[in-house]
Protein backbone atom coordinates (compact mmCIF):
# COMPACT_ATOMS: atom_id res chain seq x y z
CA MET A 1 0.10 0.06 0.18
CA ASN A 2 1.25 3.47 -1.14
CA GLY A 3 1.12 6.45 1.22
CA PRO A 4 0.10 9.84 0.42
CA SER A 5 1.51 11.20 -2.55
CA PRO A 6 4.04 14.33 -1.95
CA ALA A 7 1.68 16.50 -3.25
CA ALA A 8 -1.06 15.57 -0.95
CA CYS A 9 1.48 15.97 1.78
CA ALA A 10 2.26 19.60 0.48
CA LEU A 11 -1.19 20.79 1.03
CA PRO A 12 -1.11 21.14 4.75
CA LEU A 13 2.18 23.29 4.19
CA LEU A 14 0.65 25.38 1.75
CA GLU A 15 -2.51 26.05 4.01
CA ALA A 16 0.22 26.79 7.06
CA GLN A 17 2.16 29.37 4.66
CA LEU A 18 -1.21 31.00 3.69
CA GLN A 19 -2.42 31.42 7.21
CA ALA A 20 1.14 32.63 8.18
CA PHE A 21 0.91 35.20 5.53
CA ALA A 22 -2.23 36.44 6.59
CA GLY A 23 -1.18 36.62 10.15
CA ALA A 24 1.73 38.79 8.97
CA LEU A 25 -0.63 41.01 7.05
CA ASP A 26 -2.64 41.39 10.23
CA ARG A 27 0.23 42.56 12.25
CA ASP A 28 1.55 44.96 9.48
CA ASP A 29 4.55 42.79 9.24
CA TYR A 30 5.06 43.34 5.85
CA PRO A 31 8.82 41.93 5.71
CA GLN A 32 7.48 38.74 7.22
CA ALA A 33 4.64 38.71 4.82
CA SER A 34 6.99 38.82 1.83
CA ALA A 35 9.13 36.18 2.84
CA VAL A 36 6.00 33.83 3.73
CA LEU A 37 4.44 34.70 0.33
CA ASP A 38 8.12 33.93 -1.64
CA ALA A 39 8.07 30.43 0.16
CA HIS A 40 4.45 29.99 -0.58
CA ASP A 41 4.74 30.75 -4.13
CA ALA A 42 7.84 28.27 -4.35
CA SER A 43 6.14 25.56 -2.53
CA LEU A 44 3.11 26.12 -4.79
CA SER A 45 5.46 26.30 -7.85
CA ALA A 46 6.76 22.96 -7.02
CA LEU A 47 3.51 20.92 -6.39
CA ASP A 48 2.81 17.95 -8.93
CA LEU A 49 -0.81 17.94 -9.14
CA HIS A 50 -0.74 14.26 -10.88
CA GLY A 51 -2.18 11.89 -8.33
CA LEU A 52 -4.35 13.99 -6.47
CA ASP A 53 -7.54 13.16 -5.83
CA ALA A 54 -10.81 15.58 -6.77
CA GLN A 55 -11.12 16.38 -3.20
CA GLN A 56 -7.16 17.58 -3.11
CA LEU A 57 -7.67 19.31 -6.43
CA ALA A 58 -10.42 21.16 -4.71
CA ARG A 59 -7.98 22.19 -1.74
CA VAL A 60 -5.49 23.53 -4.39
CA ARG A 61 -8.02 25.64 -6.02
CA ASP A 62 -9.25 26.92 -2.57
CA LEU A 63 -5.83 27.91 -1.60
CA VAL A 64 -5.09 29.45 -5.08
CA GLN A 65 -8.27 31.29 -4.50
CA ALA A 66 -7.67 32.35 -0.71
CA GLN A 67 -3.90 33.40 -2.00
CA GLN A 68 -5.66 35.78 -4.57
CA ALA A 69 -7.74 37.35 -1.94
CA LEU A 70 -4.90 37.92 0.58
CA LEU A 71 -2.97 39.49 -2.56
CA GLN A 72 -5.79 41.75 -3.05
CA ARG A 73 -6.03 42.76 0.47
CA MET A 74 -2.40 43.37 0.30
CA GLY A 75 -2.90 45.45 -2.59
CA SER A 76 -5.22 47.49 -0.82
CA LEU A 77 -3.24 48.31 2.10
CA ARG A 78 -0.78 49.24 -0.24
CA ASP A 79 -3.16 51.56 -2.12
CA ALA A 80 -4.12 52.86 1.61
CA ALA A 81 -0.77 53.74 2.44
CA ARG A 82 0.05 55.41 -0.72
CA ALA A 83 -2.83 57.68 -0.22
CA HIS A 84 -1.75 58.32 3.47
CA ILE A 85 1.66 59.47 2.31
CA GLN A 86 -0.03 61.66 -0.51
CA ILE A 87 -1.84 63.47 2.02
CA GLY A 88 1.32 63.77 4.17
CA HIS A 89 2.74 65.15 1.14
CA GLN A 90 0.08 67.74 0.75
CA SER A 91 0.33 68.74 4.32
CA LEU A 92 3.91 69.29 4.00
CA ARG A 93 3.41 71.53 0.57
CA ALA A 94 0.51 73.48 2.70
CA ALA A 95 2.85 74.18 5.74
CA HIS A 96 5.42 75.26 3.57
CA ALA A 97 3.14 77.69 1.56
CA TYR A 98 1.93 79.08 4.70
CA LEU A 99 5.44 79.56 6.20
CA THR A 100 6.48 81.04 2.95
CA ALA A 101 3.52 83.61 2.91
CA GLU A 102 4.09 84.17 6.41
CA SER A 103 7.38 85.30 5.81
CA LEU A 104 6.59 87.65 2.78
CA ALA A 105 4.05 89.25 5.22
């Protein structure tokens, strides 16, 4: 009797990596999120889908969907940070303009 395929054994690792990625995003630990995502991508790329049954293939599809949702979340966080930085730059320009106008008065 053969044991589970290497791909089937990799599914819990892939799930754990996605959970670690989500946790890093929750903690705003972006360097850790990036490292976990790199490891997850490498694990997912190495996954051989041959020999997986329908239930295992469904788990892989769910993993890919969860990964895409987390990447969208990461993109939203990036966009929010960019907007925050732009507001900060606008505030600095306004303060500089105010100080310039005040010095001319």
